[in-house]
Amino acid sequence: MANEYIQHDHEVVSNTVAQPAVAKLLAKVMLFMALGLAITFGLSFGLFYAFLYFFGYDGMFVPLIVSLVVGLLGSIITSIVFSVKSIKNRGRLLIPYLVYAVFFGLALMFVPLISAVAPDIVLMAGGVTVSIFIVMGIIGLVSKVDLSPLATIGIGLFFGAIFLSLLNLIFYLTGLTAYVNFLYILVEALMFMVILIFTVVDFNRIKRITMSEANPSQNIVVFCAFMLYVDFINIFLRVLRILLIVMGRRR
């Protein structure tokens, strides 16, 4: 009985000490994440309207395509560099993170294009994304258990969605269109679940990092910011896709 009281008191003290540490680390992570998002969306919208000013709608197609291709290739290469540096723990991660944010801003040039046509949908997607992101963050931070096993479920759902996508393509090509719409909705739902699972797991991982790292380095902070940056972008793009489909049919 005495051991149970001692263990309970130890858990209470640990949680009390950990809470300020989690808040401190999360504040730093959110600052770097916000910086990355500001670079990405600021560059995307700024460059889009620069193209619009100099080339007009009729002449900006080629610059947009070039920006998209350069952004996609650059973001893939930079993400590989970032992953290698984080695994080997060599060099600072801040520079590759910021470079990735720049390249991904080029890759998201279609977002301001959609905003120019349907600004209400983009604004709604942003609001819904922030709301979902906050809820997933609360779940991940409040949870008292290690949620990393959920990542395995997320990976399983991801490959399940890939399989269903291929199956849906086969149905479409062979003329079995009766199942196409249902499988499409199912794939969209599974992919959205995967994104939400990994967002919760990443927030929970940040909480657990504070349990093992008394004073996290800048690389750890940037790594956590990169995880949440990717989660936020993924949620935004998925929500934007869904809203375009749903609201596009109503117009």
Foldseek 3Di string as FASTA:
>chain_A
DVVVVVVVVVVVVLVVVLVVLLVVLVVLLVVLLVVLQCLQQVLLLVVLVVLCVPQNPVGSPVVLVVLQVQLVVQLVVLVVVLVVCVVVVDDANSVSSNSNSNSNSSNVNVLVVVCVVPVVLLVVLLVVLVVLLVVLLCLLQVDPDQLVVVLVVLVVLLVVLVVLVVVLVVCVVVVVCPCNVVSVVVSLVSQLVSLSSQSSNLSNVSSVVVVVDVDDDVRVSNVSSSSSSVSSVSSSVSSSVVSCVVVVVVD
